[in-house]
Amino acid sequence: MKLYSIREFAEKLGVSVSTLRAWNREGKLVPLRTPTNKRRYTEDMFYQALGIGKRKETKKTVIYARVSSAGQKPDLEN
């Protein structure tokens, strides 16, 4: 699990460091703390800040194919 410093995380989100500090005071986005009391952020916190949940289900791919004539129907197998 990669941990981001407050500066790295601010750049990743496109906000200022002071905004992250304010979010911490307001309880909107509470970072982890190192033994030396420095703020560290995770990828899950990034998704939380963007307001999206981490994707738990796998993506599905759907393919649609058609031919312009009945004579080309065997081409669909390719």
Protein backbone atom coordinates (compact mmCIF):
# COMPACT_ATOMS: atom_id res chain seq x y z
CA MET A 1 0.00 0.00 0.00
CA LYS A 2 1.53 3.27 -1.14
CA LEU A 3 1.33 6.19 1.25
CA TYR A 4 1.37 9.74 -0.08
CA SER A 5 2.73 12.78 1.72
CA ILE A 6 0.41 15.75 2.10
CA ARG A 7 2.11 17.57 -0.80
CA GLU A 8 1.96 14.54 -3.12
CA PHE A 9 -1.68 13.93 -2.26
CA ALA A 10 -2.62 17.57 -2.80
CA GLU A 11 -1.03 17.50 -6.26
CA LYS A 12 -2.77 14.21 -7.08
CA LEU A 13 -6.16 15.69 -6.10
CA GLY A 14 -5.51 19.10 -7.62
CA VAL A 15 -6.08 20.98 -4.35
CA SER A 16 -3.80 22.94 -2.04
CA VAL A 17 -2.08 21.59 1.05
CA SER A 18 -4.08 24.03 3.18
CA THR A 19 -7.31 22.54 1.77
CA LEU A 20 -6.24 19.08 2.93
CA ARG A 21 -5.43 20.47 6.37
CA ALA A 22 -8.88 22.11 6.51
CA TRP A 23 -10.56 18.84 5.49
CA ASN A 24 -8.68 17.14 8.31
CA ARG A 25 -9.91 19.72 10.88
CA GLU A 26 -13.48 19.36 9.56
CA GLY A 27 -13.29 15.57 9.65
CA LYS A 28 -13.99 15.24 5.90
CA LEU A 29 -10.73 13.44 5.11
CA VAL A 30 -8.72 12.26 8.10
CA PRO A 31 -5.21 11.06 7.16
CA LEU A 32 -3.13 8.38 8.79
CA ARG A 33 -0.36 9.63 11.08
CA THR A 34 3.25 8.47 11.27
CA PRO A 35 5.00 8.07 14.63
CA THR A 36 6.44 11.56 14.03
CA ASN A 37 2.86 12.88 13.51
CA LYS A 38 3.14 13.48 9.75
CA ARG A 39 0.05 13.07 7.57
CA ARG A 40 -0.07 10.17 5.11
CA TYR A 41 -2.80 9.40 2.59
CA THR A 42 -3.77 6.18 0.76
CA GLU A 43 -5.39 5.35 -2.60
CA ASP A 44 -8.68 4.60 -0.82
CA MET A 45 -8.61 8.12 0.60
CA PHE A 46 -8.12 9.44 -2.93
CA TYR A 47 -11.33 7.74 -4.09
CA GLN A 48 -13.11 8.97 -0.97
CA ALA A 49 -12.03 12.56 -1.69
CA LEU A 50 -13.31 12.27 -5.25
CA GLY A 51 -16.62 10.95 -3.94
CA ILE A 52 -16.37 7.60 -5.66
CA GLY A 53 -16.13 4.22 -4.03
CA LYS A 54 -13.35 1.86 -4.84
CA ARG A 55 -14.50 -0.48 -7.57
CA LYS A 56 -15.23 -3.86 -6.01
CA GLU A 57 -16.82 -5.67 -8.92
CA THR A 58 -14.90 -6.55 -12.03
CA LYS A 59 -15.57 -4.78 -15.28
CA LYS A 60 -17.39 -6.58 -18.04
CA THR A 61 -16.72 -6.04 -21.70
CA VAL A 62 -19.59 -6.21 -24.15
CA ILE A 63 -18.94 -6.49 -27.87
CA TYR A 64 -21.49 -5.84 -30.55
CA ALA A 65 -20.85 -6.98 -34.09
CA ARG A 66 -22.93 -7.10 -37.22
CA VAL A 67 -22.56 -7.76 -40.91
CA SER A 68 -24.15 -5.95 -43.80
CA SER A 69 -25.36 -9.05 -45.64
CA ALA A 70 -26.27 -12.67 -44.94
CA GLY A 71 -23.28 -13.78 -47.04
CA GLN A 72 -20.93 -12.23 -44.47
CA LYS A 73 -22.51 -14.00 -41.50
CA PRO A 74 -19.62 -16.57 -41.24
CA ASP A 75 -17.28 -13.59 -40.79
CA LEU A 76 -18.83 -12.97 -37.37
CA GLU A 77 -17.04 -16.02 -36.03
CA ASN A 78 -13.70 -14.33 -36.72
